[in-house]
Amino acid sequence: MTMNTAVNTAGKSKRGFASMSLEKRQEIARMGGLSVKPENRAFSKDKKLAVKAGRKGGSSVGPQNRAFTRDPALASAAGRKGGLARAADNE
């Protein structure tokens, strides 16, 4: 009989998010996203703040680790998706 029942045979914990199914983790994440009204979200009010935060986050990742730098097709697809979404918003 083992002393630590919170660890399975592979040595991984059976507690916390790691033990939850993907569906359960997504459900919890969805609740967090819905907890703040859209009008109270800082980035929805201040686009300049959102741009600044995006630049700050992007600058913290080295060029060799940036997904769009390594995969131009991914960057193209993301840009196309954003453009289509913006066009739909403007209709």
Protein backbone atom coordinates (compact mmCIF):
# COMPACT_ATOMS: atom_id res chain seq x y z
CA MET A 1 0.00 0.00 0.00
CA THR A 2 1.41 3.39 -0.99
CA MET A 3 1.52 6.40 1.29
CA ASN A 4 0.65 8.94 -1.40
CA THR A 5 -2.71 8.13 -2.98
CA ALA A 6 -2.73 11.36 -5.01
CA VAL A 7 -0.09 10.03 -7.41
CA ASN A 8 -0.79 7.40 -10.03
CA THR A 9 1.65 4.76 -11.23
CA ALA A 10 3.15 7.06 -13.87
CA GLY A 11 4.10 9.55 -11.15
CA LYS A 12 1.61 12.18 -12.23
CA SER A 13 -0.74 13.92 -9.85
CA LYS A 14 -4.43 13.06 -9.91
CA ARG A 15 -5.32 16.49 -8.51
CA GLY A 16 -6.07 19.84 -10.08
CA PHE A 17 -6.53 20.77 -13.71
CA ALA A 18 -4.12 18.10 -14.92
CA SER A 19 -6.54 15.40 -13.80
CA MET A 20 -9.61 16.96 -15.41
CA SER A 21 -10.98 16.10 -18.79
CA LEU A 22 -10.61 18.59 -21.61
CA GLU A 23 -14.35 19.28 -21.50
CA LYS A 24 -14.25 20.10 -17.78
CA ARG A 25 -11.27 22.46 -18.19
CA GLN A 26 -13.02 24.23 -21.08
CA GLU A 27 -16.19 24.58 -19.01
CA ILE A 28 -14.25 26.22 -16.17
CA ALA A 29 -12.39 28.51 -18.59
CA ARG A 30 -15.68 29.52 -20.21
CA MET A 31 -17.12 30.50 -16.82
CA GLY A 32 -14.10 32.71 -16.18
CA GLY A 33 -14.51 34.41 -19.52
CA LEU A 34 -18.18 35.09 -18.85
CA SER A 35 -17.63 36.47 -15.35
CA VAL A 36 -16.91 39.99 -16.62
CA LYS A 37 -19.36 41.88 -18.81
CA PRO A 38 -17.91 42.89 -22.20
CA GLU A 39 -18.29 46.58 -21.40
CA ASN A 40 -16.17 46.14 -18.28
CA ARG A 41 -13.25 44.52 -20.07
CA ALA A 42 -10.35 46.93 -20.35
CA PHE A 43 -9.39 45.96 -23.89
CA SER A 44 -12.94 46.34 -25.20
CA LYS A 45 -12.94 49.96 -24.01
CA ASP A 46 -9.41 50.97 -24.92
CA LYS A 47 -8.05 49.63 -28.20
CA LYS A 48 -4.74 51.47 -27.70
CA LEU A 49 -4.26 49.61 -24.43
CA ALA A 50 -4.89 46.32 -26.22
CA VAL A 51 -2.38 47.18 -28.95
CA LYS A 52 0.21 48.16 -26.35
CA ALA A 53 -0.32 44.91 -24.42
CA GLY A 54 -0.03 42.86 -27.62
CA ARG A 55 3.23 44.53 -28.56
CA LYS A 56 4.61 44.04 -25.05
CA GLY A 57 3.69 40.35 -25.12
CA GLY A 58 5.11 39.89 -28.60
CA SER A 59 8.39 41.56 -27.71
CA SER A 60 8.92 39.16 -24.81
CA VAL A 61 9.20 36.21 -27.20
CA GLY A 62 12.37 35.75 -29.21
CA PRO A 63 12.00 35.95 -33.01
CA GLN A 64 12.93 32.29 -33.41
CA ASN A 65 10.02 31.27 -31.15
CA ARG A 66 7.30 33.32 -32.79
CA ALA A 67 4.79 31.08 -34.52
CA PHE A 68 4.12 33.51 -37.36
CA THR A 69 7.84 33.96 -38.01
CA ARG A 70 8.26 30.22 -38.43
CA ASP A 71 5.06 29.64 -40.38
CA PRO A 72 4.08 32.34 -42.89
CA ALA A 73 1.01 30.31 -43.94
CA LEU A 74 -0.24 30.44 -40.36
CA ALA A 75 0.24 34.22 -40.30
CA SER A 76 -1.62 34.55 -43.59
CA ALA A 77 -4.53 32.43 -42.36
CA ALA A 78 -4.75 34.43 -39.12
CA GLY A 79 -4.75 37.72 -41.01
CA ARG A 80 -7.43 36.49 -43.37
CA LYS A 81 -9.56 35.30 -40.46
CA GLY A 82 -9.19 38.65 -38.69
CA GLY A 83 -10.04 40.55 -41.84
CA LEU A 84 -13.16 38.49 -42.44
CA ALA A 85 -14.25 38.95 -38.82
CA ARG A 86 -13.75 42.71 -39.03
CA ALA A 87 -15.67 42.87 -42.31
CA ALA A 88 -18.54 40.94 -40.73
CA ASP A 89 -18.58 43.36 -37.77
CA ASN A 90 -18.82 46.33 -40.12
CA GLU A 91 -21.84 45.00 -41.99
